[in-house]
Protein backbone atom coordinates (compact mmCIF):
# COMPACT_ATOMS: atom_id res chain seq x y z
CA UNK A 1 111.19 91.09 138.12
CA UNK A 2 107.32 89.56 137.66
CA UNK A 3 107.06 87.83 134.72
CA UNK A 4 103.79 86.77 132.85
CA UNK A 5 104.17 83.29 130.94
CA UNK A 6 101.36 82.02 128.83
CA UNK A 7 101.53 78.38 127.47
CA UNK A 8 98.82 76.01 125.72
CA UNK A 9 100.70 73.07 127.29
CA UNK A 10 102.17 72.53 131.04
CA UNK A 11 103.10 69.57 133.21
CA UNK A 12 101.49 66.91 134.43
CA UNK A 13 100.98 67.11 130.44
CA UNK A 14 104.12 65.07 129.36
CA UNK A 15 105.64 66.40 126.40
CA UNK A 16 108.87 68.43 124.99
CA UNK A 17 107.08 72.19 125.73
CA UNK A 18 105.35 71.44 128.56
CA UNK A 19 108.37 70.05 130.74
CA UNK A 20 110.32 72.76 128.87
CA UNK A 21 108.46 75.38 130.33
CA UNK A 22 107.56 73.55 133.53
CA UNK A 23 111.06 73.83 134.24
CA UNK A 24 111.31 77.51 133.37
CA UNK A 25 108.41 78.53 135.49
CA UNK A 26 109.89 76.48 138.61
CA UNK A 27 113.10 77.65 137.92
CA UNK A 28 112.18 81.39 137.97
CA UNK A 29 110.37 81.03 140.98
CA UNK A 30 113.36 79.36 142.67
CA UNK A 31 115.28 82.48 141.26
CA UNK A 32 113.32 84.72 143.45
CA UNK A 33 111.10 86.12 140.51
CA UNK A 34 107.26 86.01 140.66
CA UNK A 35 105.76 84.37 138.04
CA UNK A 36 102.06 84.77 136.53
CA UNK A 37 101.08 81.58 134.63
CA UNK A 38 98.51 81.71 132.10
CA UNK A 39 97.33 77.89 130.67
CA UNK A 40 94.14 75.90 129.75
CA UNK A 41 92.75 74.25 132.71
CA UNK A 42 93.70 70.35 132.52
CA UNK A 43 91.38 67.65 133.77
CA UNK A 44 93.63 67.18 136.76
CA UNK A 45 93.29 70.79 138.12
CA UNK A 46 90.41 70.94 140.91
CA UNK A 47 87.93 74.15 141.02
CA UNK A 48 91.23 76.42 141.25
CA UNK A 49 94.55 76.20 140.61
CA UNK A 50 97.22 74.62 142.84
CA UNK A 51 98.79 77.65 144.54
CA UNK A 52 102.54 77.50 144.92
CA UNK A 53 104.84 79.73 146.10
CA UNK A 54 105.80 83.06 143.84
CA UNK A 55 103.97 81.22 140.80
CA UNK A 56 100.09 82.51 140.33
CA UNK A 57 98.24 80.63 137.68
CA UNK A 58 95.38 81.62 136.09
CA UNK A 59 93.23 78.97 134.26
CA UNK A 60 91.51 79.69 130.90
CA UNK A 61 89.32 77.32 128.57
CA UNK A 62 90.83 74.99 126.00
CA UNK A 63 90.04 72.55 123.76
CA UNK A 64 91.33 68.92 123.23
CA UNK A 65 93.30 68.13 119.72
CA UNK A 66 92.01 65.64 118.09
CA UNK A 67 95.02 63.63 117.14
CA UNK A 68 96.47 64.26 120.65
CA UNK A 69 94.05 63.86 123.41
CA UNK A 70 96.51 64.61 125.70
CA UNK A 71 97.11 67.95 124.42
CA UNK A 72 94.52 70.74 123.61
CA UNK A 73 94.57 74.49 122.64
CA UNK A 74 93.55 77.40 124.86
CA UNK A 75 90.69 79.53 123.40
CA UNK A 76 91.08 83.04 122.90
CA UNK A 77 91.25 84.99 126.05
CA UNK A 78 92.13 88.79 125.25
CA UNK A 79 89.41 90.31 127.37
CA UNK A 80 90.19 88.41 130.43
CA UNK A 81 94.03 88.85 129.94
CA UNK A 82 93.81 92.74 129.39
CA UNK A 83 91.50 93.22 132.39
CA UNK A 84 93.96 90.95 134.50
CA UNK A 85 97.00 92.97 133.41
CA UNK A 86 95.47 96.37 133.85
CA UNK A 87 95.46 95.00 137.86
CA UNK A 88 98.28 92.99 138.07
CA UNK A 89 100.78 93.63 135.14
CA UNK A 90 103.94 92.33 134.80
CA UNK A 91 107.67 93.66 133.69
CA UNK A 92 107.33 91.00 130.80
CA UNK A 93 105.59 88.57 128.86
CA UNK A 94 106.51 85.48 127.32
CA UNK A 95 104.43 83.27 125.48
CA UNK A 96 105.94 79.78 124.72
CA UNK A 97 103.14 78.42 122.55
CA UNK A 98 101.40 79.61 119.20
CA UNK A 99 97.80 79.11 119.28
CA UNK A 100 94.91 81.24 120.09
CA UNK A 101 95.11 81.73 123.12
CA UNK A 102 99.06 82.68 122.68
CA UNK A 103 97.99 84.91 119.87
CA UNK A 104 95.22 86.71 121.89
CA UNK A 105 98.24 87.12 124.48
CA UNK A 106 100.08 88.85 122.40
CA UNK A 107 97.64 91.03 121.26
CA UNK A 108 96.57 92.00 124.78
CA UNK A 109 99.81 92.94 125.60
CA UNK A 110 100.35 95.55 122.74
CA UNK A 111 97.14 96.64 123.93
CA UNK A 112 98.33 97.50 127.25
CA UNK A 113 102.04 98.24 126.99
CA UNK A 114 103.35 94.83 128.30
CA UNK A 115 106.99 93.92 126.52
CA UNK A 116 106.37 90.26 125.27
CA UNK A 117 108.49 87.78 123.84
CA UNK A 118 107.57 84.58 122.33
CA UNK A 119 109.24 81.04 122.20
CA UNK A 120 109.73 78.97 119.14
CA UNK A 121 109.41 75.54 120.29
CA UNK A 122 107.46 72.75 117.30
CA UNK A 123 108.38 72.57 113.54
CA UNK A 124 104.70 72.79 112.93
CA UNK A 125 105.93 72.83 109.21
CA UNK A 126 107.48 69.42 109.78
CA UNK A 127 104.09 68.19 111.52
CA UNK A 128 102.06 69.55 108.26
CA UNK A 129 103.98 67.18 106.20
CA UNK A 130 103.84 64.20 108.26
CA UNK A 131 100.26 64.11 108.26
CA UNK A 132 99.73 64.81 104.70
CA UNK A 133 99.52 68.50 104.76
CA UNK A 134 102.07 69.52 103.13
CA UNK A 135 100.64 72.00 101.08
CA UNK A 136 99.76 73.89 103.91
CA UNK A 137 103.43 74.63 104.97
CA UNK A 138 103.46 78.25 103.41
CA UNK A 139 100.51 78.82 105.26
CA UNK A 140 101.91 77.90 108.30
CA UNK A 141 105.06 79.69 108.24
CA UNK A 142 102.94 83.01 107.12
CA UNK A 143 100.65 82.63 110.61
CA UNK A 144 103.93 81.40 112.62
CA UNK A 145 105.93 84.96 110.84
CA UNK A 146 102.66 87.04 111.86
CA UNK A 147 102.53 85.62 115.81
CA UNK A 148 106.49 86.04 116.35
CA UNK A 149 106.13 89.14 114.77
CA UNK A 150 104.37 90.45 117.87
CA UNK A 151 106.84 89.57 120.06
CA UNK A 152 110.22 92.08 120.57
CA UNK A 153 112.18 88.69 120.41
CA UNK A 154 111.63 85.27 119.47
CA UNK A 155 113.81 82.91 121.67
CA UNK A 156 114.87 79.23 120.06
CA UNK A 157 118.08 76.97 121.52
CA UNK A 158 119.77 75.72 118.78
CA UNK A 159 122.00 78.39 116.37
CA UNK A 160 120.74 75.95 113.29
CA UNK A 161 117.15 77.05 114.04
CA UNK A 162 117.81 80.75 114.72
CA UNK A 163 119.39 80.64 111.09
CA UNK A 164 116.81 78.81 109.59
CA UNK A 165 113.94 81.06 111.00
CA UNK A 166 116.05 84.16 109.92
CA UNK A 167 116.12 83.23 106.36
CA UNK A 168 112.74 82.80 106.19
CA UNK A 169 111.68 86.24 107.60
CA UNK A 170 111.55 85.85 111.36
CA UNK A 171 113.12 88.94 112.85
CA UNK A 172 114.92 89.18 116.63
CA UNK A 173 115.49 85.80 116.75
CA UNK A 174 117.58 84.82 119.96
CA UNK A 175 119.41 81.69 120.93
CA UNK A 176 118.73 80.79 124.31
CA UNK A 177 120.61 77.59 125.10
CA UNK A 178 118.97 74.51 126.92
CA UNK A 179 120.27 72.62 129.94
CA UNK A 180 119.27 69.33 131.86
CA UNK A 181 118.61 68.31 135.04
CA UNK A 182 121.93 66.71 135.51
CA UNK A 183 120.69 65.57 139.57
CA UNK A 184 117.83 63.86 138.09
CA UNK A 185 119.25 62.34 134.54
CA UNK A 186 122.13 60.42 136.32
CA UNK A 187 123.78 56.71 135.73
CA UNK A 188 123.69 56.10 139.56
CA UNK A 189 119.66 55.38 138.63
CA UNK A 190 120.60 52.34 136.97
CA UNK A 191 118.47 49.47 138.02
CA UNK A 192 119.19 45.76 138.05
CA UNK A 193 115.79 44.82 139.09
CA UNK A 194 114.43 46.91 136.09
CA UNK A 195 116.61 45.26 133.30
CA UNK A 196 115.42 41.75 134.91
CA UNK A 197 111.99 42.39 134.21
CA UNK A 198 112.74 43.53 131.03
CA UNK A 199 114.30 40.09 130.33
CA UNK A 200 117.97 41.99 130.23
CA UNK A 201 120.92 40.29 131.87
CA UNK A 202 123.71 42.48 133.33
CA UNK A 203 125.80 41.88 130.13
CA UNK A 204 123.30 42.13 127.77
CA UNK A 205 121.87 45.13 125.39
CA UNK A 206 119.03 47.42 126.33
CA UNK A 207 118.06 49.76 123.42
CA UNK A 208 115.73 52.38 124.37
CA UNK A 209 113.20 54.81 122.59
CA UNK A 210 111.71 57.81 124.80
CA UNK A 211 108.93 59.70 123.51
CA UNK A 212 105.59 60.32 121.72
CA UNK A 213 104.90 56.93 119.55
CA UNK A 214 103.50 58.45 116.70
CA UNK A 215 104.19 58.84 112.68
CA UNK A 216 106.40 62.18 112.92
CA UNK A 217 109.07 60.56 115.05
CA UNK A 218 110.43 58.42 112.19
CA UNK A 219 109.29 55.12 113.47
CA UNK A 220 110.04 52.61 110.80
CA UNK A 221 113.97 53.72 110.90
CA UNK A 222 113.58 52.92 114.28
CA UNK A 223 112.57 49.38 114.27
CA UNK A 224 114.67 48.55 111.19
CA UNK A 225 117.80 49.89 113.45
CA UNK A 226 117.37 47.40 116.22
CA UNK A 227 116.45 44.64 113.79
CA UNK A 228 119.94 45.50 112.35
CA UNK A 229 121.48 45.84 115.95
CA UNK A 230 119.82 42.37 116.99
CA UNK A 231 121.20 40.41 113.94
CA UNK A 232 124.50 41.00 115.29
CA UNK A 233 124.05 41.12 119.15
CA UNK A 234 120.96 38.39 118.84
CA UNK A 235 119.91 39.01 122.88
CA UNK A 236 119.46 42.71 122.49
CA UNK A 237 116.06 44.19 123.69
CA UNK A 238 114.04 47.10 122.84
CA UNK A 239 112.51 49.40 125.42
CA UNK A 240 109.58 51.92 124.28
CA UNK A 241 108.74 54.41 126.63
CA UNK A 242 105.97 56.35 125.70
CA UNK A 243 102.26 56.49 124.32
CA UNK A 244 100.76 57.54 121.07
CA UNK A 245 98.84 56.56 118.18
CA UNK A 246 101.07 54.34 116.43
CA UNK A 247 101.97 52.16 119.32
CA UNK A 248 98.94 49.72 119.37
CA UNK A 249 99.77 48.65 115.84
CA UNK A 250 103.48 48.61 116.49
CA UNK A 251 102.93 46.40 119.28
CA UNK A 252 101.16 44.15 117.23
CA UNK A 253 103.59 43.89 114.93
CA UNK A 254 106.78 43.65 116.80
CA UNK A 255 105.27 41.36 120.02
CA UNK A 256 109.13 40.92 121.30
CA UNK A 257 109.45 45.35 121.65
CA UNK A 258 108.92 45.77 125.69
CA UNK A 259 106.29 48.90 126.01
CA UNK A 260 107.10 50.60 129.40
CA UNK A 261 104.14 53.46 128.73
CA UNK A 262 104.38 56.93 129.88
CA UNK A 263 107.30 57.59 132.35
CA UNK A 264 108.31 60.81 134.07
CA UNK A 265 110.46 62.29 136.92
CA UNK A 266 112.69 59.48 138.56
CA UNK A 267 110.94 56.47 136.87
CA UNK A 268 111.63 57.97 133.68
CA UNK A 269 115.70 58.78 134.75
CA UNK A 270 115.55 55.29 136.08
CA UNK A 271 114.63 53.76 132.32
CA UNK A 272 117.13 55.79 131.02
CA UNK A 273 120.03 54.83 133.28
CA UNK A 274 119.21 51.10 133.24
CA UNK A 275 119.21 51.21 129.34
CA UNK A 276 122.36 51.10 127.32
CA UNK A 277 121.77 52.55 124.07
CA UNK A 278 119.68 55.41 122.94
CA UNK A 279 118.22 55.42 119.18
CA UNK A 280 116.94 58.30 118.22
CA UNK A 281 115.60 58.51 114.35
CA UNK A 282 113.34 61.46 114.77
CA UNK A 283 113.34 63.99 112.30
CA UNK A 284 110.76 66.62 113.13
CA UNK A 285 112.24 67.74 116.48
CA UNK A 286 112.71 71.85 117.43
CA UNK A 287 115.44 70.94 119.91
CA UNK A 288 115.11 67.26 121.43
CA UNK A 289 115.40 67.23 125.36
CA UNK A 290 115.29 63.36 125.06
CA UNK A 291 118.97 63.50 123.74
CA UNK A 292 120.25 65.38 126.50
CA UNK A 293 118.47 63.59 129.04
CA UNK A 294 120.08 60.33 127.78
CA UNK A 295 123.28 61.55 127.46
CA UNK A 296 123.12 63.02 131.50
CA UNK A 297 122.16 59.31 132.32
CA UNK A 298 125.26 57.84 130.84
CA UNK A 299 123.78 56.42 127.37
CA UNK A 300 125.06 56.95 124.22
CA UNK A 301 122.88 58.42 121.73
CA UNK A 302 122.78 57.84 117.98
CA UNK A 303 120.61 60.89 115.98
CA UNK A 304 120.70 62.56 113.02
CA UNK A 305 122.99 65.45 112.65
CA UNK A 306 120.40 68.59 113.79
CA UNK A 307 118.74 70.14 117.01
CA UNK A 308 120.26 69.18 120.26
CA UNK A 309 122.43 66.38 118.78
CA UNK A 310 123.95 69.22 116.30
CA UNK A 311 124.92 71.06 119.23
CA UNK A 312 125.89 68.59 121.97
CA UNK A 313 126.56 65.07 120.26
CA UNK A 314 130.15 64.34 119.39
CA UNK A 315 131.50 61.04 118.37
CA UNK A 316 132.94 60.59 122.12
CA UNK A 317 129.55 59.89 123.35
CA UNK A 318 127.33 58.82 120.28
CA UNK A 319 126.82 59.07 116.48
CA UNK A 320 125.19 61.72 114.73
CA UNK A 321 124.48 61.17 111.23
CA UNK A 322 123.36 62.93 108.16
CA UNK A 323 119.46 64.41 107.65
CA UNK A 324 117.87 61.46 105.62
CA UNK A 325 120.89 58.93 105.46
CA UNK A 326 118.63 56.20 106.79
CA UNK A 327 121.38 53.85 106.07
CA UNK A 328 124.02 55.68 107.16
CA UNK A 329 121.88 55.68 110.86
CA UNK A 330 121.59 52.19 111.25
CA UNK A 331 124.53 51.33 110.34
CA UNK A 332 126.03 53.62 113.09
CA UNK A 333 123.75 52.20 115.38
CA UNK A 334 125.25 49.07 114.55
CA UNK A 335 129.12 49.80 114.79
CA UNK A 336 128.68 51.61 117.93
CA UNK A 337 126.76 48.72 119.41
CA UNK A 338 128.96 45.77 118.41
CA UNK A 339 132.52 47.53 118.95
CA UNK A 340 133.22 46.88 122.59
CA UNK A 341 136.09 49.57 122.64
CA UNK A 342 133.76 52.40 121.28
CA UNK A 343 130.96 51.62 123.31
CA UNK A 344 132.49 51.61 126.24
CA UNK A 345 134.21 54.90 125.79
CA UNK A 346 130.87 56.38 124.96
CA UNK A 347 129.22 55.33 127.94
CA UNK A 348 132.32 57.08 129.88
CA UNK A 349 131.74 60.44 127.57
CA UNK A 350 128.28 60.76 127.41
CA UNK A 351 127.53 62.43 130.93
CA UNK A 352 130.57 65.04 130.52
CA UNK A 353 129.09 66.10 126.98
CA UNK A 354 126.21 67.67 128.70
CA UNK A 355 127.42 67.90 132.20
CA UNK A 356 128.57 71.46 131.91
CA UNK A 357 124.66 72.51 131.30
CA UNK A 358 122.96 74.29 134.25
CA UNK A 359 119.17 75.03 134.27
CA UNK A 360 120.13 77.76 136.47
CA UNK A 361 121.89 79.75 134.40
CA UNK A 362 119.06 79.13 131.04
CA UNK A 363 117.05 80.73 133.89
CA UNK A 364 119.52 83.71 134.19
CA UNK A 365 120.04 84.33 130.91
CA UNK A 366 116.21 84.26 130.26
CA UNK A 367 115.49 86.84 132.96
CA UNK A 368 118.48 89.10 131.83
CA UNK A 369 117.26 89.32 128.15
CA UNK A 370 113.64 89.80 129.05
CA UNK A 371 114.78 92.64 131.53
CA UNK A 372 116.74 94.39 128.45
CA UNK A 373 113.85 94.40 126.55
CA UNK A 374 111.23 95.45 129.32
CA UNK A 375 113.99 98.08 130.16
CA UNK A 376 114.23 96.94 133.66
CA UNK A 377 117.97 97.11 133.84
CA UNK A 378 118.47 96.40 137.62
CA UNK A 379 116.69 93.40 137.45
CA UNK A 380 118.19 90.05 138.97
CA UNK A 381 119.71 88.46 136.02
CA UNK A 382 123.18 86.97 134.75
CA UNK A 383 126.07 89.26 134.87
CA UNK A 384 127.52 87.98 131.47
CA UNK A 385 125.84 88.12 127.93
CA UNK A 386 122.47 86.22 127.60
CA UNK A 387 123.74 83.25 125.35
CA UNK A 388 126.07 81.27 127.80
CA UNK A 389 129.67 80.99 126.71
CA UNK A 390 130.09 77.48 128.10
CA UNK A 391 126.68 76.19 126.58
CA UNK A 392 127.93 77.08 122.98
CA UNK A 393 127.78 74.17 120.53
CA UNK A 394 130.86 71.93 120.31
CA UNK A 395 131.93 70.39 117.21
CA UNK A 396 133.83 67.18 116.74
CA UNK A 397 137.15 67.50 118.68
CA UNK A 398 135.86 69.59 121.36
CA UNK A 399 135.68 66.65 123.89
CA UNK A 400 138.71 68.28 126.05
CA UNK A 401 136.41 70.96 126.67
CA UNK A 402 133.54 69.44 127.76
CA UNK A 403 135.61 67.33 130.41
CA UNK A 404 137.07 70.61 131.94
CA UNK A 405 133.71 72.89 132.10
CA UNK A 406 131.65 70.63 134.04
CA UNK A 407 131.18 71.82 137.23
CA UNK A 408 131.13 69.77 140.50
CA UNK A 409 127.00 69.65 140.98
CA UNK A 410 126.87 67.62 137.94
CA UNK A 411 128.36 64.52 139.55
CA UNK A 412 125.99 62.40 140.89
CA UNK A 413 126.93 59.07 142.80
CA UNK A 414 127.27 55.91 141.01
CA UNK A 415 129.62 54.39 138.43
CA UNK A 416 129.23 54.21 134.98
CA UNK A 417 128.46 50.29 133.97
CA UNK A 418 130.06 48.83 130.53
CA UNK A 419 128.26 46.94 128.11
CA UNK A 420 130.91 44.56 126.48
């Protein structure tokens, strides 16, 4: 198929949407599909977009977001897109972001008769509340309903989100499960030299946070939880990977925390695998790719019961806590960190909880869904239903399924170290 993808954020920008869309684009190209990528120009772009095999990139104008200096909105480009699609028409269009560029793309696709679908990647209603704009939530939903209503389907990563949107007037919501690169994120990337840089010995506990360091990430609970762990395990250290507007204050208030900055690729994988416990108290994730990355790295995880955690985190590989139960969250992290037997078992099981998730399967299911929307029934796609049965969410007691469905490719070299 020839697939058009419109996004207002893209690698090398570091955020969940950019990385998810970039993974999808490259997965489509690797599977033999022609990708027409439309995105705003970035500072790192030269006079023209880099040429990649099977990926034709069109750059448009954008503007920076005030509180997200690393991100931008794409400006409307309807006239240019209509002209582009009249000469280079894709079989189907996927619009990943809900900004001005995305809206103009949906309208242009409608004008020239290209079947379009959308992705719901960001809970803007939660962001509005965390930035003191909760009164605008109804307006945010009205815009999002109008936006996604222009597409034939809206792809979401979880059953929970599909039900949430369906209950708020969104139509044709389709679950497309996510995956994780289990070759990149792997326990064998553990690096004792890196741990030594952190001041963490082989038998000491390294707790890690990965993500944007910003108010919407529930940072006070992250700090509170670590301090509770530290009272039980005084030599524990807290490693922060990422950056954001709250970093300076957090660093000033907690001089013993280790701030590693933004990491990606192999460096990010090395930081995950070199840690021992991932504590993720955010309540504003649409999915939470970091949960899958931590688990694939063999790192037990404590998170609230929604998004990726609800779908893939079981008691075998960490702890899932009821949303809003701050006391329960801190207690769960403390109990897991201080229980040597449970902690060792969780380290062993963590990778198995996500080892069955295949990025290639996500791509194949995505192509099949687009093919059905466009009527291109002979397109290369997955032979099964567009929702992968192997990626269906598991609940407590399903740990044996996680073990039995793990494919051979997910096994990376190296053993799983255990914190005593």
